[in-house]
Amino acid sequence: MTVTEVLPTLRQLNRADKIRVVQFLVNEIAREEEIFFEEGKSYPVWSPFESHKAAEQLVNLLKEENTSV
């Protein structure tokens, strides 16, 4: 079965079933890549939110860019 054969069926799914399909595909990819997650466990994700040092670096780079033009 090809992706083009599956897409029309996927479009007909309700929202909850579409989310289940996405979860299934992510788990399949993770399994193939040998990335294992434990069910119910939280995993930290880095975010630039409140990353003041990163913001300062960005401002300095932008200032350098403006002065070199």
PDB file of N, CA and C in Angstrom:
ATOM      1  N   MET A   1       0.845  -1.176   0.000  1.00  0.00           N
ATOM      2  CA  MET A   1       0.000   0.000   0.000  1.00  0.00           C
ATOM      3  C   MET A   1       0.896   1.247   0.000  1.00  0.00           C
ATOM      4  N   THR A   2       0.554   2.222  -0.811  1.00  0.00           N
ATOM      5  CA  THR A   2       1.362   3.431  -0.906  1.00  0.00           C
ATOM      6  C   THR A   2       0.733   4.561  -0.096  1.00  0.00           C
ATOM      7  N   VAL A   3       1.506   5.618   0.105  1.00  0.00           N
ATOM      8  CA  VAL A   3       1.016   6.784   0.851  1.00  0.00           C
ATOM      9  C   VAL A   3      -0.191   7.394   0.142  1.00  0.00           C
ATOM     10  N   THR A   4      -0.137   7.484  -1.165  1.00  0.00           N
ATOM     11  CA  THR A   4      -1.264   8.075  -1.898  1.00  0.00           C
ATOM     12  C   THR A   4      -2.537   7.249  -1.754  1.00  0.00           C
ATOM     13  N   GLU A   5      -2.395   5.967  -1.513  1.00  0.00           N
ATOM     14  CA  GLU A   5      -3.575   5.127  -1.275  1.00  0.00           C
ATOM     15  C   GLU A   5      -4.117   5.327   0.136  1.00  0.00           C
ATOM     16  N   VAL A   6      -3.254   5.630   1.090  1.00  0.00           N
ATOM     17  CA  VAL A   6      -3.647   5.756   2.494  1.00  0.00           C
ATOM     18  C   VAL A   6      -4.214   7.142   2.812  1.00  0.00           C
ATOM     19  N   LEU A   7      -3.710   8.179   2.151  1.00  0.00           N
ATOM     20  CA  LEU A   7      -4.097   9.555   2.482  1.00  0.00           C
ATOM     21  C   LEU A   7      -5.608   9.813   2.464  1.00  0.00           C
ATOM     22  N   PRO A   8      -6.355   9.364   1.464  1.00  0.00           N
ATOM     23  CA  PRO A   8      -7.803   9.613   1.500  1.00  0.00           C
ATOM     24  C   PRO A   8      -8.484   9.017   2.736  1.00  0.00           C
ATOM     25  N   THR A   9      -8.039   7.840   3.151  1.00  0.00           N
ATOM     26  CA  THR A   9      -8.604   7.212   4.353  1.00  0.00           C
ATOM     27  C   THR A   9      -8.246   8.015   5.588  1.00  0.00           C
ATOM     28  N   LEU A  10      -7.000   8.488   5.667  1.00  0.00           N
ATOM     29  CA  LEU A  10      -6.574   9.285   6.821  1.00  0.00           C
ATOM     30  C   LEU A  10      -7.374  10.574   6.929  1.00  0.00           C
ATOM     31  N   ARG A  11      -7.666  11.187   5.802  1.00  0.00           N
ATOM     32  CA  ARG A  11      -8.444  12.438   5.808  1.00  0.00           C
ATOM     33  C   ARG A  11      -9.847  12.233   6.385  1.00  0.00           C
ATOM     34  N   GLN A  12     -10.382  11.042   6.244  1.00  0.00           N
ATOM     35  CA  GLN A  12     -11.735  10.758   6.727  1.00  0.00           C
ATOM     36  C   GLN A  12     -11.794  10.489   8.231  1.00  0.00           C
ATOM     37  N   LEU A  13     -10.656  10.270   8.854  1.00  0.00           N
ATOM     38  CA  LEU A  13     -10.628   9.970  10.289  1.00  0.00           C
ATOM     39  C   LEU A  13     -11.043  11.181  11.110  1.00  0.00           C
ATOM     40  N   ASN A  14     -11.611  10.913  12.285  1.00  0.00           N
ATOM     41  CA  ASN A  14     -11.914  12.020  13.190  1.00  0.00           C
ATOM     42  C   ASN A  14     -10.618  12.479  13.864  1.00  0.00           C
ATOM     43  N   ARG A  15     -10.702  13.590  14.555  1.00  0.00           N
ATOM     44  CA  ARG A  15      -9.518  14.220  15.145  1.00  0.00           C
ATOM     45  C   ARG A  15      -8.755  13.258  16.078  1.00  0.00           C
ATOM     46  N   ALA A  16      -9.468  12.585  16.951  1.00  0.00           N
ATOM     47  CA  ALA A  16      -8.829  11.680  17.921  1.00  0.00           C
ATOM     48  C   ALA A  16      -8.072  10.558  17.209  1.00  0.00           C
ATOM     49  N   ASP A  17      -8.676   9.997  16.174  1.00  0.00           N
ATOM     50  CA  ASP A  17      -8.012   8.916  15.440  1.00  0.00           C
ATOM     51  C   ASP A  17      -6.795   9.439  14.679  1.00  0.00           C
ATOM     52  N   LYS A  18      -6.871  10.665  14.167  1.00  0.00           N
ATOM     53  CA  LYS A  18      -5.709  11.260  13.491  1.00  0.00           C
ATOM     54  C   LYS A  18      -4.549  11.420  14.476  1.00  0.00           C
ATOM     55  N   ILE A  19      -4.852  11.838  15.698  1.00  0.00           N
ATOM     56  CA  ILE A  19      -3.810  11.978  16.720  1.00  0.00           C
ATOM     57  C   ILE A  19      -3.204  10.617  17.034  1.00  0.00           C
ATOM     58  N   ARG A  20      -4.037   9.583  17.119  1.00  0.00           N
ATOM     59  CA  ARG A  20      -3.523   8.230  17.367  1.00  0.00           C
ATOM     60  C   ARG A  20      -2.594   7.774  16.241  1.00  0.00           C
ATOM     61  N   VAL A  21      -2.952   8.125  15.011  1.00  0.00           N
ATOM     62  CA  VAL A  21      -2.092   7.770  13.870  1.00  0.00           C
ATOM     63  C   VAL A  21      -0.750   8.479  13.983  1.00  0.00           C
ATOM     64  N   VAL A  22      -0.771   9.759  14.343  1.00  0.00           N
ATOM     65  CA  VAL A  22       0.473  10.513  14.510  1.00  0.00           C
ATOM     66  C   VAL A  22       1.317   9.887  15.608  1.00  0.00           C
ATOM     67  N   GLN A  23       0.705   9.561  16.735  1.00  0.00           N
ATOM     68  CA  GLN A  23       1.435   8.923  17.833  1.00  0.00           C
ATOM     69  C   GLN A  23       2.034   7.595  17.389  1.00  0.00           C
ATOM     70  N   PHE A  24       1.269   6.819  16.644  1.00  0.00           N
ATOM     71  CA  PHE A  24       1.760   5.544  16.150  1.00  0.00           C
ATOM     72  C   PHE A  24       2.976   5.750  15.261  1.00  0.00           C
ATOM     73  N   LEU A  25       2.887   6.711  14.331  1.00  0.00           N
ATOM     74  CA  LEU A  25       4.000   6.947  13.409  1.00  0.00           C
ATOM     75  C   LEU A  25       5.237   7.447  14.131  1.00  0.00           C
ATOM     76  N   VAL A  26       5.060   8.329  15.109  1.00  0.00           N
ATOM     77  CA  VAL A  26       6.201   8.818  15.884  1.00  0.00           C
ATOM     78  C   VAL A  26       6.850   7.663  16.642  1.00  0.00           C
ATOM     79  N   ASN A  27       6.047   6.816  17.234  1.00  0.00           N
ATOM     80  CA  ASN A  27       6.591   5.657  17.951  1.00  0.00           C
ATOM     81  C   ASN A  27       7.320   4.698  17.006  1.00  0.00           C
ATOM     82  N   GLU A  28       6.789   4.518  15.805  1.00  0.00           N
ATOM     83  CA  GLU A  28       7.450   3.654  14.827  1.00  0.00           C
ATOM     84  C   GLU A  28       8.810   4.221  14.428  1.00  0.00           C
ATOM     85  N   ILE A  29       8.859   5.522  14.173  1.00  0.00           N
ATOM     86  CA  ILE A  29      10.124   6.157  13.809  1.00  0.00           C
ATOM     87  C   ILE A  29      11.114   6.056  14.961  1.00  0.00           C
ATOM     88  N   ALA A  30      10.653   6.324  16.171  1.00  0.00           N
ATOM     89  CA  ALA A  30      11.530   6.236  17.346  1.00  0.00           C
ATOM     90  C   ALA A  30      12.070   4.819  17.510  1.00  0.00           C
ATOM     91  N   ARG A  31      11.209   3.844  17.299  1.00  0.00           N
ATOM     92  CA  ARG A  31      11.644   2.440  17.414  1.00  0.00           C
ATOM     93  C   ARG A  31      12.697   2.124  16.360  1.00  0.00           C
ATOM     94  N   GLU A  32      12.469   2.590  15.125  1.00  0.00           N
ATOM     95  CA  GLU A  32      13.431   2.346  14.049  1.00  0.00           C
ATOM     96  C   GLU A  32      14.765   3.046  14.328  1.00  0.00           C
ATOM     97  N   GLU A  33      14.703   4.209  14.966  1.00  0.00           N
ATOM     98  CA  GLU A  33      15.917   4.958  15.290  1.00  0.00           C
ATOM     99  C   GLU A  33      16.516   4.516  16.626  1.00  0.00           C
ATOM    100  N   GLU A  34      15.876   3.539  17.246  1.00  0.00           N
ATOM    101  CA  GLU A  34      16.289   3.019  18.550  1.00  0.00           C
ATOM    102  C   GLU A  34      16.290   4.102  19.626  1.00  0.00           C
ATOM    103  N   ILE A  35      15.263   4.948  19.569  1.00  0.00           N
ATOM    104  CA  ILE A  35      15.046   5.964  20.593  1.00  0.00           C
ATOM    105  C   ILE A  35      13.851   5.473  21.407  1.00  0.00           C
ATOM    106  N   PHE A  36      14.112   5.135  22.653  1.00  0.00           N
ATOM    107  CA  PHE A  36      13.045   4.561  23.458  1.00  0.00           C
ATOM    108  C   PHE A  36      12.595   5.532  24.539  1.00  0.00           C
ATOM    109  N   PHE A  37      11.302   5.734  24.615  1.00  0.00           N
ATOM    110  CA  PHE A  37      10.694   6.583  25.633  1.00  0.00           C
ATOM    111  C   PHE A  37       9.830   5.711  26.524  1.00  0.00           C
ATOM    112  N   GLU A  38       9.880   6.015  27.805  1.00  0.00           N
ATOM    113  CA  GLU A  38       9.037   5.280  28.746  1.00  0.00           C
ATOM    114  C   GLU A  38       7.686   5.961  28.823  1.00  0.00           C
ATOM    115  N   GLU A  39       6.641   5.169  28.748  1.00  0.00           N
ATOM    116  CA  GLU A  39       5.288   5.709  28.796  1.00  0.00           C
ATOM    117  C   GLU A  39       5.031   6.373  30.146  1.00  0.00           C
ATOM    118  N   GLY A  40       4.437   7.546  30.118  1.00  0.00           N
ATOM    119  CA  GLY A  40       4.089   8.263  31.337  1.00  0.00           C
ATOM    120  C   GLY A  40       5.225   9.080  31.921  1.00  0.00           C
ATOM    121  N   LYS A  41       6.416   8.987  31.352  1.00  0.00           N
ATOM    122  CA  LYS A  41       7.556   9.733  31.862  1.00  0.00           C
ATOM    123  C   LYS A  41       7.681  11.056  31.111  1.00  0.00           C
ATOM    124  N   SER A  42       8.117  12.100  31.810  1.00  0.00           N
ATOM    125  CA  SER A  42       8.318  13.403  31.184  1.00  0.00           C
ATOM    126  C   SER A  42       9.752  13.542  30.711  1.00  0.00           C
ATOM    127  N   TYR A  43       9.926  14.214  29.588  1.00  0.00           N
ATOM    128  CA  TYR A  43      11.250  14.453  29.040  1.00  0.00           C
ATOM    129  C   TYR A  43      11.416  15.952  28.814  1.00  0.00           C
ATOM    130  N   PRO A  44      12.484  16.536  29.357  1.00  0.00           N
ATOM    131  CA  PRO A  44      12.674  17.980  29.210  1.00  0.00           C
ATOM    132  C   PRO A  44      12.992  18.358  27.767  1.00  0.00           C
ATOM    133  N   VAL A  45      12.477  19.493  27.375  1.00  0.00           N
ATOM    134  CA  VAL A  45      12.729  20.040  26.045  1.00  0.00           C
ATOM    135  C   VAL A  45      13.260  21.447  26.237  1.00  0.00           C
ATOM    136  N   TRP A  46      14.409  21.764  25.616  1.00  0.00           N
ATOM    137  CA  TRP A  46      14.981  23.085  25.774  1.00  0.00           C
ATOM    138  C   TRP A  46      14.117  24.106  25.062  1.00  0.00           C
ATOM    139  N   SER A  47      13.996  25.261  25.670  1.00  0.00           N
ATOM    140  CA  SER A  47      13.240  26.361  25.089  1.00  0.00           C
ATOM    141  C   SER A  47      14.010  27.646  25.313  1.00  0.00           C
ATOM    142  N   PRO A  48      13.945  28.573  24.367  1.00  0.00           N
ATOM    143  CA  PRO A  48      14.642  29.845  24.559  1.00  0.00           C
ATOM    144  C   PRO A  48      13.923  30.762  25.549  1.00  0.00           C
ATOM    145  N   PHE A  49      12.755  30.362  26.039  1.00  0.00           N
ATOM    146  CA  PHE A  49      12.003  31.167  26.978  1.00  0.00           C
ATOM    147  C   PHE A  49      12.848  31.430  28.218  1.00  0.00           C
ATOM    148  N   GLU A  50      12.979  32.678  28.578  1.00  0.00           N
ATOM    149  CA  GLU A  50      13.768  33.134  29.721  1.00  0.00           C
ATOM    150  C   GLU A  50      15.256  32.767  29.580  1.00  0.00           C
ATOM    151  N   SER A  51      15.729  32.673  28.362  1.00  0.00           N
ATOM    152  CA  SER A  51      17.142  32.409  28.121  1.00  0.00           C
ATOM    153  C   SER A  51      17.820  33.752  27.853  1.00  0.00           C
ATOM    154  N   HIS A  52      18.098  34.468  28.914  1.00  0.00           N
ATOM    155  CA  HIS A  52      18.606  35.832  28.809  1.00  0.00           C
ATOM    156  C   HIS A  52      19.991  35.881  28.183  1.00  0.00           C
ATOM    157  N   LYS A  53      20.811  34.894  28.462  1.00  0.00           N
ATOM    158  CA  LYS A  53      22.153  34.874  27.890  1.00  0.00           C
ATOM    159  C   LYS A  53      22.082  34.716  26.370  1.00  0.00           C
ATOM    160  N   ALA A  54      21.201  33.857  25.898  1.00  0.00           N
ATOM    161  CA  ALA A  54      21.037  33.665  24.456  1.00  0.00           C
ATOM    162  C   ALA A  54      20.515  34.944  23.804  1.00  0.00           C
ATOM    163  N   ALA A  55      19.588  35.609  24.465  1.00  0.00           N
ATOM    164  CA  ALA A  55      19.050  36.858  23.933  1.00  0.00           C
ATOM    165  C   ALA A  55      20.145  37.917  23.849  1.00  0.00           C
ATOM    166  N   GLU A  56      20.990  37.988  24.870  1.00  0.00           N
ATOM    167  CA  GLU A  56      22.089  38.949  24.875  1.00  0.00           C
ATOM    168  C   GLU A  56      23.061  38.681  23.727  1.00  0.00           C
ATOM    169  N   GLN A  57      23.351  37.402  23.501  1.00  0.00           N
ATOM    170  CA  GLN A  57      24.242  37.031  22.397  1.00  0.00           C
ATOM    171  C   GLN A  57      23.645  37.441  21.057  1.00  0.00           C
ATOM    172  N   LEU A  58      22.363  37.207  20.893  1.00  0.00           N
ATOM    173  CA  LEU A  58      21.690  37.563  19.650  1.00  0.00           C
ATOM    174  C   LEU A  58      21.734  39.069  19.415  1.00  0.00           C
ATOM    175  N   VAL A  59      21.469  39.848  20.456  1.00  0.00           N
ATOM    176  CA  VAL A  59      21.521  41.306  20.340  1.00  0.00           C
ATOM    177  C   VAL A  59      22.921  41.749  19.938  1.00  0.00           C
ATOM    178  N   ASN A  60      23.954  41.176  20.544  1.00  0.00           N
ATOM    179  CA  ASN A  60      25.329  41.527  20.205  1.00  0.00           C
ATOM    180  C   ASN A  60      25.655  41.197  18.750  1.00  0.00           C
ATOM    181  N   LEU A  61      25.193  40.037  18.284  1.00  0.00           N
ATOM    182  CA  LEU A  61      25.422  39.660  16.887  1.00  0.00           C
ATOM    183  C   LEU A  61      24.715  40.623  15.940  1.00  0.00           C
ATOM    184  N   LEU A  62      23.501  41.023  16.280  1.00  0.00           N
ATOM    185  CA  LEU A  62      22.767  41.962  15.441  1.00  0.00           C
ATOM    186  C   LEU A  62      23.451  43.328  15.419  1.00  0.00           C
ATOM    187  N   LYS A  63      23.975  43.754  16.551  1.00  0.00           N
ATOM    188  CA  LYS A  63      24.695  45.026  16.613  1.00  0.00           C
ATOM    189  C   LYS A  63      25.937  44.964  15.722  1.00  0.00           C
ATOM    190  N   GLU A  64      26.675  43.848  15.803  1.00  0.00           N
ATOM    191  CA  GLU A  64      27.863  43.664  14.968  1.00  0.00           C
ATOM    192  C   GLU A  64      27.493  43.715  13.490  1.00  0.00           C
ATOM    193  N   GLU A  65      26.400  43.076  13.145  1.00  0.00           N
ATOM    194  CA  GLU A  65      25.922  43.036  11.761  1.00  0.00           C
ATOM    195  C   GLU A  65      25.632  44.459  11.262  1.00  0.00           C
ATOM    196  N   ASN A  66      24.973  45.256  12.099  1.00  0.00           N
ATOM    197  CA  ASN A  66      24.610  46.626  11.718  1.00  0.00           C
ATOM    198  C   ASN A  66      25.829  47.521  11.575  1.00  0.00           C
ATOM    199  N   THR A  67      26.843  47.311  12.389  1.00  0.00           N
ATOM    200  CA  THR A  67      28.020  48.180  12.324  1.00  0.00           C
ATOM    201  C   THR A  67      28.939  47.793  11.175  1.00  0.00           C
ATOM    202  N   SER A  68      28.865  46.559  10.697  1.00  0.00           N
ATOM    203  CA  SER A  68      29.743  46.134   9.614  1.00  0.00           C
ATOM    204  C   SER A  68      29.174  46.446   8.226  1.00  0.00           C
ATOM    205  N   VAL A  69      27.959  46.925   8.173  1.00  0.00           N
ATOM    206  CA  VAL A  69      27.319  47.217   6.883  1.00  0.00           C
ATOM    207  C   VAL A  69      27.675  48.585   6.382  1.00  0.00           C
TER     208      VAL A  69
END
